[in-house]
Amino acid sequence: MELNYKNVNGYLLPELEYKSGEQMLHIGKYGFLRRDYLKNCKRAKYQVMLLKDTLGEHLLEIDRVAKEREEIILKQLEKSDPLPDKEDDQMAWVRAGNRHRAIAEEMILAELIYVS
C-alpha cells in the first residue's frame, strides 16, 4: 500500500481514506448501540476496529442482523401471544405491541449488542 502525503503548514500528513465514515450514514439504532458498547466497554476492540477501518462494516452487519432477528422474534411472539383486536380495545392493542417490541429488543441486546 502506497501512501500519499500532503503538505499542511509545513507538516507532511498522510492522505488516509476512511470508508467507515460513509458507512456510518446508514447505521441504525442497533448499530449505534453496538458502537457505544464497544466504545465504552471494549475499548481495545473498538480501537483496533477503528484503526483497521472495519468498524463501519461491523456496525452495518450488526444492525442488519438485529433488524432481521427483531422481525423473527416479533412474528414468534405474535403467534404465541396474539395481539388483541385493535377495533375492540385500542389501548390493549398498543400495550401488547409495546410489550412485544420490548421483549424483542431485550433479546437482541443480550444476543447481539452486549457481547464480546
PDB file of N, CA and C in Angstrom:
ATOM      1  N   MET A   1       0.850  -1.180   0.000  1.00  0.00           N
ATOM      2  CA  MET A   1       0.000   0.000   0.000  1.00  0.00           C
ATOM      3  C   MET A   1       0.889   1.235   0.000  1.00  0.00           C
ATOM      4  N   GLU A   2       0.650   2.101  -0.934  1.00  0.00           N
ATOM      5  CA  GLU A   2       1.444   3.315  -1.061  1.00  0.00           C
ATOM      6  C   GLU A   2       0.657   4.489  -0.472  1.00  0.00           C
ATOM      7  N   LEU A   3       1.325   5.257   0.362  1.00  0.00           N
ATOM      8  CA  LEU A   3       0.683   6.415   0.977  1.00  0.00           C
ATOM      9  C   LEU A   3       1.098   7.681   0.258  1.00  0.00           C
ATOM     10  N   ASN A   4       0.156   8.531   0.062  1.00  0.00           N
ATOM     11  CA  ASN A   4       0.424   9.866  -0.474  1.00  0.00           C
ATOM     12  C   ASN A   4       0.362  10.848   0.681  1.00  0.00           C
ATOM     13  N   TYR A   5       1.177  11.877   0.606  1.00  0.00           N
ATOM     14  CA  TYR A   5       1.237  12.870   1.670  1.00  0.00           C
ATOM     15  C   TYR A   5       0.883  14.236   1.111  1.00  0.00           C
ATOM     16  N   LYS A   6       0.330  15.074   1.956  1.00  0.00           N
ATOM     17  CA  LYS A   6       0.060  16.465   1.572  1.00  0.00           C
ATOM     18  C   LYS A   6       0.713  17.372   2.595  1.00  0.00           C
ATOM     19  N   ASN A   7       1.125  18.521   2.136  1.00  0.00           N
ATOM     20  CA  ASN A   7       1.805  19.489   2.983  1.00  0.00           C
ATOM     21  C   ASN A   7       0.765  20.418   3.617  1.00  0.00           C
ATOM     22  N   VAL A   8       0.717  20.409   4.939  1.00  0.00           N
ATOM     23  CA  VAL A   8      -0.197  21.281   5.681  1.00  0.00           C
ATOM     24  C   VAL A   8       0.636  22.065   6.680  1.00  0.00           C
ATOM     25  N   ASN A   9       0.796  23.360   6.410  1.00  0.00           N
ATOM     26  CA  ASN A   9       1.581  24.258   7.278  1.00  0.00           C
ATOM     27  C   ASN A   9       2.981  23.715   7.580  1.00  0.00           C
ATOM     28  N   GLY A  10       3.617  23.147   6.567  1.00  0.00           N
ATOM     29  CA  GLY A  10       4.967  22.646   6.732  1.00  0.00           C
ATOM     30  C   GLY A  10       5.052  21.226   7.253  1.00  0.00           C
ATOM     31  N   TYR A  11       3.935  20.599   7.527  1.00  0.00           N
ATOM     32  CA  TYR A  11       3.916  19.214   8.002  1.00  0.00           C
ATOM     33  C   TYR A  11       3.398  18.314   6.886  1.00  0.00           C
ATOM     34  N   LEU A  12       4.031  17.176   6.704  1.00  0.00           N
ATOM     35  CA  LEU A  12       3.553  16.201   5.739  1.00  0.00           C
ATOM     36  C   LEU A  12       2.591  15.248   6.448  1.00  0.00           C
ATOM     37  N   LEU A  13       1.342  15.291   6.029  1.00  0.00           N
ATOM     38  CA  LEU A  13       0.315  14.442   6.623  1.00  0.00           C
ATOM     39  C   LEU A  13      -0.134  13.409   5.599  1.00  0.00           C
ATOM     40  N   PRO A  14      -0.291  12.156   6.031  1.00  0.00           N
ATOM     41  CA  PRO A  14      -0.743  11.129   5.079  1.00  0.00           C
ATOM     42  C   PRO A  14      -2.191  11.382   4.668  1.00  0.00           C
ATOM     43  N   GLU A  15      -2.479  11.106   3.408  1.00  0.00           N
ATOM     44  CA  GLU A  15      -3.847  11.198   2.905  1.00  0.00           C
ATOM     45  C   GLU A  15      -4.487   9.824   3.090  1.00  0.00           C
ATOM     46  N   LEU A  16      -5.238   9.683   4.156  1.00  0.00           N
ATOM     47  CA  LEU A  16      -5.847   8.403   4.501  1.00  0.00           C
ATOM     48  C   LEU A  16      -7.296   8.373   4.041  1.00  0.00           C
ATOM     49  N   GLU A  17      -7.708   7.226   3.552  1.00  0.00           N
ATOM     50  CA  GLU A  17      -9.108   7.037   3.185  1.00  0.00           C
ATOM     51  C   GLU A  17      -9.802   6.328   4.340  1.00  0.00           C
ATOM     52  N   TYR A  18     -10.968   6.804   4.662  1.00  0.00           N
ATOM     53  CA  TYR A  18     -11.723   6.257   5.783  1.00  0.00           C
ATOM     54  C   TYR A  18     -13.111   5.897   5.283  1.00  0.00           C
ATOM     55  N   LYS A  19     -13.309   4.625   4.922  1.00  0.00           N
ATOM     56  CA  LYS A  19     -14.590   4.209   4.357  1.00  0.00           C
ATOM     57  C   LYS A  19     -15.699   4.084   5.404  1.00  0.00           C
ATOM     58  N   SER A  20     -15.318   3.891   6.662  1.00  0.00           N
ATOM     59  CA  SER A  20     -16.325   3.722   7.711  1.00  0.00           C
ATOM     60  C   SER A  20     -17.154   4.988   7.919  1.00  0.00           C
ATOM     61  N   GLY A  21     -16.577   6.143   7.636  1.00  0.00           N
ATOM     62  CA  GLY A  21     -17.315   7.393   7.797  1.00  0.00           C
ATOM     63  C   GLY A  21     -18.557   7.435   6.936  1.00  0.00           C
ATOM     64  N   GLU A  22     -18.433   6.982   5.697  1.00  0.00           N
ATOM     65  CA  GLU A  22     -19.588   6.954   4.795  1.00  0.00           C
ATOM     66  C   GLU A  22     -20.592   5.892   5.222  1.00  0.00           C
ATOM     67  N   GLN A  23     -20.091   4.770   5.734  1.00  0.00           N
ATOM     68  CA  GLN A  23     -20.976   3.695   6.182  1.00  0.00           C
ATOM     69  C   GLN A  23     -21.796   4.112   7.393  1.00  0.00           C
ATOM     70  N   MET A  24     -21.261   5.004   8.205  1.00  0.00           N
ATOM     71  CA  MET A  24     -21.964   5.443   9.411  1.00  0.00           C
ATOM     72  C   MET A  24     -23.282   6.144   9.086  1.00  0.00           C
ATOM     73  N   LEU A  25     -23.416   6.643   7.876  1.00  0.00           N
ATOM     74  CA  LEU A  25     -24.658   7.305   7.486  1.00  0.00           C
ATOM     75  C   LEU A  25     -25.820   6.319   7.389  1.00  0.00           C
ATOM     76  N   HIS A  26     -25.518   5.039   7.229  1.00  0.00           N
ATOM     77  CA  HIS A  26     -26.553   4.034   7.005  1.00  0.00           C
ATOM     78  C   HIS A  26     -26.811   3.150   8.229  1.00  0.00           C
ATOM     79  N   ILE A  27     -26.164   3.446   9.322  1.00  0.00           N
ATOM     80  CA  ILE A  27     -26.309   2.627  10.526  1.00  0.00           C
ATOM     81  C   ILE A  27     -27.554   3.055  11.297  1.00  0.00           C
ATOM     82  N   GLY A  28     -28.272   2.068  11.801  1.00  0.00           N
ATOM     83  CA  GLY A  28     -29.486   2.338  12.559  1.00  0.00           C
ATOM     84  C   GLY A  28     -29.274   2.217  14.064  1.00  0.00           C
ATOM     85  N   LYS A  29     -30.360   2.077  14.753  1.00  0.00           N
ATOM     86  CA  LYS A  29     -30.392   2.054  16.218  1.00  0.00           C
ATOM     87  C   LYS A  29     -29.451   1.000  16.803  1.00  0.00           C
ATOM     88  N   TYR A  30     -29.550  -0.218  16.319  1.00  0.00           N
ATOM     89  CA  TYR A  30     -28.760  -1.301  16.905  1.00  0.00           C
ATOM     90  C   TYR A  30     -27.274  -1.150  16.591  1.00  0.00           C
ATOM     91  N   GLY A  31     -26.951  -0.621  15.433  1.00  0.00           N
ATOM     92  CA  GLY A  31     -25.559  -0.361  15.107  1.00  0.00           C
ATOM     93  C   GLY A  31     -24.951   0.664  16.039  1.00  0.00           C
ATOM     94  N   PHE A  32     -25.696   1.708  16.339  1.00  0.00           N
ATOM     95  CA  PHE A  32     -25.188   2.735  17.255  1.00  0.00           C
ATOM     96  C   PHE A  32     -25.104   2.221  18.691  1.00  0.00           C
ATOM     97  N   LEU A  33     -26.046   1.372  19.090  1.00  0.00           N
ATOM     98  CA  LEU A  33     -25.962   0.772  20.424  1.00  0.00           C
ATOM     99  C   LEU A  33     -24.708  -0.096  20.535  1.00  0.00           C
ATOM    100  N   ARG A  34     -24.413  -0.853  19.475  1.00  0.00           N
ATOM    101  CA  ARG A  34     -23.212  -1.690  19.463  1.00  0.00           C
ATOM    102  C   ARG A  34     -21.948  -0.823  19.512  1.00  0.00           C
ATOM    103  N   ARG A  35     -21.950   0.267  18.738  1.00  0.00           N
ATOM    104  CA  ARG A  35     -20.797   1.169  18.742  1.00  0.00           C
ATOM    105  C   ARG A  35     -20.554   1.739  20.133  1.00  0.00           C
ATOM    106  N   ASP A  36     -21.612   2.175  20.794  1.00  0.00           N
ATOM    107  CA  ASP A  36     -21.471   2.738  22.138  1.00  0.00           C
ATOM    108  C   ASP A  36     -20.968   1.691  23.121  1.00  0.00           C
ATOM    109  N   TYR A  37     -21.455   0.456  22.994  1.00  0.00           N
ATOM    110  CA  TYR A  37     -20.990  -0.614  23.877  1.00  0.00           C
ATOM    111  C   TYR A  37     -19.496  -0.873  23.664  1.00  0.00           C
ATOM    112  N   LEU A  38     -19.092  -0.989  22.401  1.00  0.00           N
ATOM    113  CA  LEU A  38     -17.674  -1.228  22.120  1.00  0.00           C
ATOM    114  C   LEU A  38     -16.815  -0.071  22.614  1.00  0.00           C
ATOM    115  N   LYS A  39     -17.274   1.129  22.372  1.00  0.00           N
ATOM    116  CA  LYS A  39     -16.509   2.332  22.737  1.00  0.00           C
ATOM    117  C   LYS A  39     -16.341   2.445  24.251  1.00  0.00           C
ATOM    118  N   ASN A  40     -17.370   2.100  25.005  1.00  0.00           N
ATOM    119  CA  ASN A  40     -17.345   2.281  26.452  1.00  0.00           C
ATOM    120  C   ASN A  40     -16.876   1.058  27.230  1.00  0.00           C
ATOM    121  N   CYS A  41     -17.107  -0.147  26.700  1.00  0.00           N
ATOM    122  CA  CYS A  41     -16.808  -1.355  27.471  1.00  0.00           C
ATOM    123  C   CYS A  41     -15.726  -2.240  26.864  1.00  0.00           C
ATOM    124  N   LYS A  42     -15.503  -2.128  25.589  1.00  0.00           N
ATOM    125  CA  LYS A  42     -14.498  -2.940  24.895  1.00  0.00           C
ATOM    126  C   LYS A  42     -13.584  -2.017  24.100  1.00  0.00           C
ATOM    127  N   ARG A  43     -12.907  -1.125  24.812  1.00  0.00           N
ATOM    128  CA  ARG A  43     -12.120  -0.073  24.162  1.00  0.00           C
ATOM    129  C   ARG A  43     -11.032  -0.602  23.233  1.00  0.00           C
ATOM    130  N   ALA A  44     -10.343  -1.671  23.641  1.00  0.00           N
ATOM    131  CA  ALA A  44      -9.262  -2.200  22.807  1.00  0.00           C
ATOM    132  C   ALA A  44      -9.815  -2.710  21.473  1.00  0.00           C
ATOM    133  N   LYS A  45     -10.906  -3.464  21.538  1.00  0.00           N
ATOM    134  CA  LYS A  45     -11.527  -3.983  20.314  1.00  0.00           C
ATOM    135  C   LYS A  45     -12.021  -2.834  19.440  1.00  0.00           C
ATOM    136  N   TYR A  46     -12.623  -1.836  20.059  1.00  0.00           N
ATOM    137  CA  TYR A  46     -13.113  -0.655  19.334  1.00  0.00           C
ATOM    138  C   TYR A  46     -11.960   0.054  18.621  1.00  0.00           C
ATOM    139  N   GLN A  47     -10.841   0.256  19.323  1.00  0.00           N
ATOM    140  CA  GLN A  47      -9.694   0.956  18.743  1.00  0.00           C
ATOM    141  C   GLN A  47      -9.101   0.169  17.577  1.00  0.00           C
ATOM    142  N   VAL A  48      -8.983  -1.147  17.737  1.00  0.00           N
ATOM    143  CA  VAL A  48      -8.439  -1.978  16.655  1.00  0.00           C
ATOM    144  C   VAL A  48      -9.333  -1.895  15.428  1.00  0.00           C
ATOM    145  N   MET A  49     -10.647  -2.012  15.629  1.00  0.00           N
ATOM    146  CA  MET A  49     -11.583  -1.934  14.506  1.00  0.00           C
ATOM    147  C   MET A  49     -11.532  -0.559  13.854  1.00  0.00           C
ATOM    148  N   LEU A  50     -11.390   0.466  14.656  1.00  0.00           N
ATOM    149  CA  LEU A  50     -11.307   1.823  14.136  1.00  0.00           C
ATOM    150  C   LEU A  50     -10.046   2.006  13.298  1.00  0.00           C
ATOM    151  N   LEU A  51      -8.925   1.514  13.795  1.00  0.00           N
ATOM    152  CA  LEU A  51      -7.658   1.656  13.074  1.00  0.00           C
ATOM    153  C   LEU A  51      -7.613   0.807  11.811  1.00  0.00           C
ATOM    154  N   LYS A  52      -8.238  -0.364  11.844  1.00  0.00           N
ATOM    155  CA  LYS A  52      -8.276  -1.225  10.655  1.00  0.00           C
ATOM    156  C   LYS A  52      -9.374  -0.807   9.682  1.00  0.00           C
ATOM    157  N   ASP A  53     -10.169   0.166  10.080  1.00  0.00           N
ATOM    158  CA  ASP A  53     -11.281   0.672   9.276  1.00  0.00           C
ATOM    159  C   ASP A  53     -12.320  -0.415   8.992  1.00  0.00           C
ATOM    160  N   THR A  54     -12.583  -1.248   9.989  1.00  0.00           N
ATOM    161  CA  THR A  54     -13.604  -2.289   9.863  1.00  0.00           C
ATOM    162  C   THR A  54     -14.815  -2.001  10.747  1.00  0.00           C
ATOM    163  N   LEU A  55     -14.780  -0.907  11.475  1.00  0.00           N
ATOM    164  CA  LEU A  55     -15.859  -0.592  12.411  1.00  0.00           C
ATOM    165  C   LEU A  55     -17.193  -0.384  11.697  1.00  0.00           C
ATOM    166  N   GLY A  56     -17.201   0.418  10.653  1.00  0.00           N
ATOM    167  CA  GLY A  56     -18.447   0.695   9.931  1.00  0.00           C
ATOM    168  C   GLY A  56     -19.061  -0.562   9.354  1.00  0.00           C
ATOM    169  N   GLU A  57     -18.238  -1.405   8.782  1.00  0.00           N
ATOM    170  CA  GLU A  57     -18.705  -2.665   8.210  1.00  0.00           C
ATOM    171  C   GLU A  57     -19.314  -3.555   9.298  1.00  0.00           C
ATOM    172  N   HIS A  58     -18.644  -3.632  10.438  1.00  0.00           N
ATOM    173  CA  HIS A  58     -19.140  -4.429  11.565  1.00  0.00           C
ATOM    174  C   HIS A  58     -20.482  -3.897  12.064  1.00  0.00           C
ATOM    175  N   LEU A  59     -20.582  -2.588  12.212  1.00  0.00           N
ATOM    176  CA  LEU A  59     -21.819  -1.996  12.728  1.00  0.00           C
ATOM    177  C   LEU A  59     -22.981  -2.169  11.756  1.00  0.00           C
ATOM    178  N   LEU A  60     -22.699  -2.056  10.458  1.00  0.00           N
ATOM    179  CA  LEU A  60     -23.751  -2.288   9.456  1.00  0.00           C
ATOM    180  C   LEU A  60     -24.256  -3.725   9.529  1.00  0.00           C
ATOM    181  N   GLU A  61     -23.341  -4.671   9.688  1.00  0.00           N
ATOM    182  CA  GLU A  61     -23.724  -6.081   9.772  1.00  0.00           C
ATOM    183  C   GLU A  61     -24.550  -6.351  11.025  1.00  0.00           C
ATOM    184  N   ILE A  62     -24.111  -5.817  12.153  1.00  0.00           N
ATOM    185  CA  ILE A  62     -24.860  -5.993  13.407  1.00  0.00           C
ATOM    186  C   ILE A  62     -26.258  -5.403  13.267  1.00  0.00           C
ATOM    187  N   ASP A  63     -26.363  -4.217  12.684  1.00  0.00           N
ATOM    188  CA  ASP A  63     -27.654  -3.563  12.519  1.00  0.00           C
ATOM    189  C   ASP A  63     -28.584  -4.392  11.623  1.00  0.00           C
ATOM    190  N   ARG A  64     -28.037  -4.909  10.524  1.00  0.00           N
ATOM    191  CA  ARG A  64     -28.830  -5.718   9.595  1.00  0.00           C
ATOM    192  C   ARG A  64     -29.324  -6.999  10.271  1.00  0.00           C
ATOM    193  N   VAL A  65     -28.433  -7.692  10.954  1.00  0.00           N
ATOM    194  CA  VAL A  65     -28.794  -8.948  11.629  1.00  0.00           C
ATOM    195  C   VAL A  65     -29.810  -8.679  12.743  1.00  0.00           C
ATOM    196  N   ALA A  66     -29.623  -7.595  13.479  1.00  0.00           N
ATOM    197  CA  ALA A  66     -30.538  -7.265  14.575  1.00  0.00           C
ATOM    198  C   ALA A  66     -31.948  -6.971  14.052  1.00  0.00           C
ATOM    199  N   LYS A  67     -32.051  -6.264  12.948  1.00  0.00           N
ATOM    200  CA  LYS A  67     -33.376  -5.971  12.371  1.00  0.00           C
ATOM    201  C   LYS A  67     -34.064  -7.248  11.895  1.00  0.00           C
ATOM    202  N   GLU A  68     -33.290  -8.136  11.261  1.00  0.00           N
ATOM    203  CA  GLU A  68     -33.863  -9.413  10.825  1.00  0.00           C
ATOM    204  C   GLU A  68     -34.322 -10.226  12.027  1.00  0.00           C
ATOM    205  N   ARG A  69     -33.499 -10.254  13.047  1.00  0.00           N
ATOM    206  CA  ARG A  69     -33.833 -11.009  14.270  1.00  0.00           C
ATOM    207  C   ARG A  69     -35.072 -10.421  14.946  1.00  0.00           C
ATOM    208  N   GLU A  70     -35.187  -9.106  14.938  1.00  0.00           N
ATOM    209  CA  GLU A  70     -36.349  -8.445  15.540  1.00  0.00           C
ATOM    210  C   GLU A  70     -37.634  -8.874  14.834  1.00  0.00           C
ATOM    211  N   GLU A  71     -37.606  -8.924  13.512  1.00  0.00           N
ATOM    212  CA  GLU A  71     -38.793  -9.346  12.759  1.00  0.00           C
ATOM    213  C   GLU A  71     -39.183 -10.779  13.111  1.00  0.00           C
ATOM    214  N   ILE A  72     -38.184 -11.653  13.201  1.00  0.00           N
ATOM    215  CA  ILE A  72     -38.452 -13.058  13.526  1.00  0.00           C
ATOM    216  C   ILE A  72     -39.048 -13.179  14.921  1.00  0.00           C
ATOM    217  N   ILE A  73     -38.459 -12.489  15.882  1.00  0.00           N
ATOM    218  CA  ILE A  73     -38.943 -12.564  17.268  1.00  0.00           C
ATOM    219  C   ILE A  73     -40.368 -12.026  17.362  1.00  0.00           C
ATOM    220  N   LEU A  74     -40.643 -10.905  16.692  1.00  0.00           N
ATOM    221  CA  LEU A  74     -41.990 -10.321  16.742  1.00  0.00           C
ATOM    222  C   LEU A  74     -43.024 -11.277  16.145  1.00  0.00           C
ATOM    223  N   LYS A  75     -42.675 -11.963  15.055  1.00  0.00           N
ATOM    224  CA  LYS A  75     -43.601 -12.942  14.461  1.00  0.00           C
ATOM    225  C   LYS A  75     -43.853 -14.098  15.418  1.00  0.00           C
ATOM    226  N   GLN A  76     -42.779 -14.571  16.072  1.00  0.00           N
ATOM    227  CA  GLN A  76     -42.933 -15.668  17.029  1.00  0.00           C
ATOM    228  C   GLN A  76     -43.790 -15.245  18.219  1.00  0.00           C
ATOM    229  N   LEU A  77     -43.583 -14.038  18.705  1.00  0.00           N
ATOM    230  CA  LEU A  77     -44.376 -13.543  19.835  1.00  0.00           C
ATOM    231  C   LEU A  77     -45.838 -13.384  19.453  1.00  0.00           C
ATOM    232  N   GLU A  78     -46.088 -12.942  18.227  1.00  0.00           N
ATOM    233  CA  GLU A  78     -47.470 -12.753  17.795  1.00  0.00           C
ATOM    234  C   GLU A  78     -48.190 -14.100  17.654  1.00  0.00           C
ATOM    235  N   LYS A  79     -47.430 -15.141  17.282  1.00  0.00           N
ATOM    236  CA  LYS A  79     -48.042 -16.482  17.208  1.00  0.00           C
ATOM    237  C   LYS A  79     -48.370 -17.006  18.605  1.00  0.00           C
ATOM    238  N   SER A  80     -47.417 -16.852  19.534  1.00  0.00           N
ATOM    239  CA  SER A  80     -47.627 -17.398  20.875  1.00  0.00           C
ATOM    240  C   SER A  80     -48.542 -16.529  21.742  1.00  0.00           C
ATOM    241  N   ASP A  81     -48.536 -15.226  21.503  1.00  0.00           N
ATOM    242  CA  ASP A  81     -49.351 -14.290  22.283  1.00  0.00           C
ATOM    243  C   ASP A  81     -49.955 -13.259  21.327  1.00  0.00           C
ATOM    244  N   PRO A  82     -51.056 -13.639  20.641  1.00  0.00           N
ATOM    245  CA  PRO A  82     -51.625 -12.737  19.624  1.00  0.00           C
ATOM    246  C   PRO A  82     -52.060 -11.391  20.207  1.00  0.00           C
ATOM    247  N   LEU A  83     -51.934 -10.373  19.390  1.00  0.00           N
ATOM    248  CA  LEU A  83     -52.379  -9.039  19.792  1.00  0.00           C
ATOM    249  C   LEU A  83     -53.903  -9.012  19.844  1.00  0.00           C
ATOM    250  N   PRO A  84     -54.462  -8.288  20.816  1.00  0.00           N
ATOM    251  CA  PRO A  84     -55.930  -8.163  20.850  1.00  0.00           C
ATOM    252  C   PRO A  84     -56.426  -7.384  19.627  1.00  0.00           C
ATOM    253  N   ASP A  85     -57.713  -7.469  19.387  1.00  0.00           N
ATOM    254  CA  ASP A  85     -58.299  -6.768  18.252  1.00  0.00           C
ATOM    255  C   ASP A  85     -58.184  -5.260  18.459  1.00  0.00           C
ATOM    256  N   LYS A  86     -57.641  -4.597  17.475  1.00  0.00           N
ATOM    257  CA  LYS A  86     -57.422  -3.145  17.571  1.00  0.00           C
ATOM    258  C   LYS A  86     -58.747  -2.392  17.674  1.00  0.00           C
ATOM    259  N   GLU A  87     -59.769  -2.880  16.998  1.00  0.00           N
ATOM    260  CA  GLU A  87     -61.070  -2.202  16.992  1.00  0.00           C
ATOM    261  C   GLU A  87     -61.770  -2.299  18.350  1.00  0.00           C
ATOM    262  N   ASP A  88     -61.587  -3.413  19.041  1.00  0.00           N
ATOM    263  CA  ASP A  88     -62.256  -3.617  20.329  1.00  0.00           C
ATOM    264  C   ASP A  88     -61.619  -2.797  21.452  1.00  0.00           C
ATOM    265  N   ASP A  89     -60.294  -2.860  21.552  1.00  0.00           N
ATOM    266  CA  ASP A  89     -59.593  -2.161  22.635  1.00  0.00           C
ATOM    267  C   ASP A  89     -58.230  -1.698  22.124  1.00  0.00           C
ATOM    268  N   GLN A  90     -58.227  -0.461  21.643  1.00  0.00           N
ATOM    269  CA  GLN A  90     -57.013   0.065  21.024  1.00  0.00           C
ATOM    270  C   GLN A  90     -55.861   0.182  22.031  1.00  0.00           C
ATOM    271  N   MET A  91     -56.135   0.552  23.249  1.00  0.00           N
ATOM    272  CA  MET A  91     -55.082   0.701  24.256  1.00  0.00           C
ATOM    273  C   MET A  91     -54.451  -0.653  24.598  1.00  0.00           C
ATOM    274  N   ALA A  92     -55.269  -1.698  24.678  1.00  0.00           N
ATOM    275  CA  ALA A  92     -54.737  -3.043  24.944  1.00  0.00           C
ATOM    276  C   ALA A  92     -53.866  -3.497  23.778  1.00  0.00           C
ATOM    277  N   TRP A  93     -54.278  -3.156  22.562  1.00  0.00           N
ATOM    278  CA  TRP A  93     -53.503  -3.488  21.365  1.00  0.00           C
ATOM    279  C   TRP A  93     -52.143  -2.785  21.394  1.00  0.00           C
ATOM    280  N   VAL A  94     -52.124  -1.511  21.763  1.00  0.00           N
ATOM    281  CA  VAL A  94     -50.875  -0.742  21.852  1.00  0.00           C
ATOM    282  C   VAL A  94     -49.978  -1.309  22.952  1.00  0.00           C
ATOM    283  N   ARG A  95     -50.561  -1.602  24.113  1.00  0.00           N
ATOM    284  CA  ARG A  95     -49.773  -2.171  25.219  1.00  0.00           C
ATOM    285  C   ARG A  95     -49.136  -3.497  24.823  1.00  0.00           C
ATOM    286  N   ALA A  96     -49.901  -4.345  24.186  1.00  0.00           N
ATOM    287  CA  ALA A  96     -49.383  -5.654  23.780  1.00  0.00           C
ATOM    288  C   ALA A  96     -48.278  -5.500  22.731  1.00  0.00           C
ATOM    289  N   GLY A  97     -48.478  -4.601  21.779  1.00  0.00           N
ATOM    290  CA  GLY A  97     -47.447  -4.354  20.765  1.00  0.00           C
ATOM    291  C   GLY A  97     -46.169  -3.808  21.376  1.00  0.00           C
ATOM    292  N   ASN A  98     -46.303  -2.881  22.317  1.00  0.00           N
ATOM    293  CA  ASN A  98     -45.128  -2.327  23.000  1.00  0.00           C
ATOM    294  C   ASN A  98     -44.420  -3.392  23.827  1.00  0.00           C
ATOM    295  N   ARG A  99     -45.198  -4.270  24.468  1.00  0.00           N
ATOM    296  CA  ARG A  99     -44.612  -5.357  25.253  1.00  0.00           C
ATOM    297  C   ARG A  99     -43.822  -6.299  24.342  1.00  0.00           C
ATOM    298  N   HIS A 100     -44.379  -6.631  23.181  1.00  0.00           N
ATOM    299  CA  HIS A 100     -43.682  -7.495  22.232  1.00  0.00           C
ATOM    300  C   HIS A 100     -42.374  -6.852  21.759  1.00  0.00           C
ATOM    301  N   ARG A 101     -42.419  -5.564  21.437  1.00  0.00           N
ATOM    302  CA  ARG A 101     -41.205  -4.868  20.980  1.00  0.00           C
ATOM    303  C   ARG A 101     -40.154  -4.806  22.083  1.00  0.00           C
ATOM    304  N   ALA A 102     -40.584  -4.591  23.320  1.00  0.00           N
ATOM    305  CA  ALA A 102     -39.637  -4.541  24.441  1.00  0.00           C
ATOM    306  C   ALA A 102     -38.970  -5.904  24.651  1.00  0.00           C
ATOM    307  N   ILE A 103     -39.741  -6.964  24.544  1.00  0.00           N
ATOM    308  CA  ILE A 103     -39.187  -8.316  24.689  1.00  0.00           C
ATOM    309  C   ILE A 103     -38.182  -8.591  23.580  1.00  0.00           C
ATOM    310  N   ALA A 104     -38.558  -8.252  22.348  1.00  0.00           N
ATOM    311  CA  ALA A 104     -37.669  -8.466  21.204  1.00  0.00           C
ATOM    312  C   ALA A 104     -36.373  -7.673  21.371  1.00  0.00           C
ATOM    313  N   GLU A 105     -36.491  -6.430  21.802  1.00  0.00           N
ATOM    314  CA  GLU A 105     -35.300  -5.596  21.975  1.00  0.00           C
ATOM    315  C   GLU A 105     -34.378  -6.151  23.057  1.00  0.00           C
ATOM    316  N   GLU A 106     -34.940  -6.601  24.174  1.00  0.00           N
ATOM    317  CA  GLU A 106     -34.119  -7.183  25.244  1.00  0.00           C
ATOM    318  C   GLU A 106     -33.367  -8.416  24.755  1.00  0.00           C
ATOM    319  N   MET A 107     -34.024  -9.230  23.958  1.00  0.00           N
ATOM    320  CA  MET A 107     -33.376 -10.422  23.429  1.00  0.00           C
ATOM    321  C   MET A 107     -32.241 -10.044  22.474  1.00  0.00           C
ATOM    322  N   ILE A 108     -32.471  -9.064  21.631  1.00  0.00           N
ATOM    323  CA  ILE A 108     -31.445  -8.623  20.680  1.00  0.00           C
ATOM    324  C   ILE A 108     -30.256  -8.018  21.411  1.00  0.00           C
ATOM    325  N   LEU A 109     -30.528  -7.219  22.420  1.00  0.00           N
ATOM    326  CA  LEU A 109     -29.433  -6.620  23.187  1.00  0.00           C
ATOM    327  C   LEU A 109     -28.558  -7.702  23.828  1.00  0.00           C
ATOM    328  N   ALA A 110     -29.201  -8.738  24.370  1.00  0.00           N
ATOM    329  CA  ALA A 110     -28.458  -9.809  25.030  1.00  0.00           C
ATOM    330  C   ALA A 110     -27.711 -10.688  24.030  1.00  0.00           C
ATOM    331  N   GLU A 111     -28.308 -10.924  22.860  1.00  0.00           N
ATOM    332  CA  GLU A 111     -27.718 -11.834  21.880  1.00  0.00           C
ATOM    333  C   GLU A 111     -26.679 -11.191  20.966  1.00  0.00           C
ATOM    334  N   LEU A 112     -26.891  -9.929  20.597  1.00  0.00           N
ATOM    335  CA  LEU A 112     -26.053  -9.328  19.550  1.00  0.00           C
ATOM    336  C   LEU A 112     -25.274  -8.087  19.978  1.00  0.00           C
ATOM    337  N   ILE A 113     -25.828  -7.280  20.845  1.00  0.00           N
ATOM    338  CA  ILE A 113     -25.222  -5.984  21.114  1.00  0.00           C
ATOM    339  C   ILE A 113     -24.218  -6.061  22.261  1.00  0.00           C
ATOM    340  N   TYR A 114     -24.623  -6.574  23.397  1.00  0.00           N
ATOM    341  CA  TYR A 114     -23.768  -6.583  24.587  1.00  0.00           C
ATOM    342  C   TYR A 114     -23.009  -7.888  24.735  1.00  0.00           C
ATOM    343  N   VAL A 115     -22.332  -8.288  23.686  1.00  0.00           N
ATOM    344  CA  VAL A 115     -21.482  -9.489  23.700  1.00  0.00           C
ATOM    345  C   VAL A 115     -20.086  -9.102  23.206  1.00  0.00           C
ATOM    346  N   SER A 116     -19.120  -9.915  23.511  1.00  0.00           N
ATOM    347  CA  SER A 116     -17.727  -9.629  23.113  1.00  0.00           C
ATOM    348  C   SER A 116     -17.498  -9.713  21.667  1.00  0.00           C
TER     349      SER A 116
END
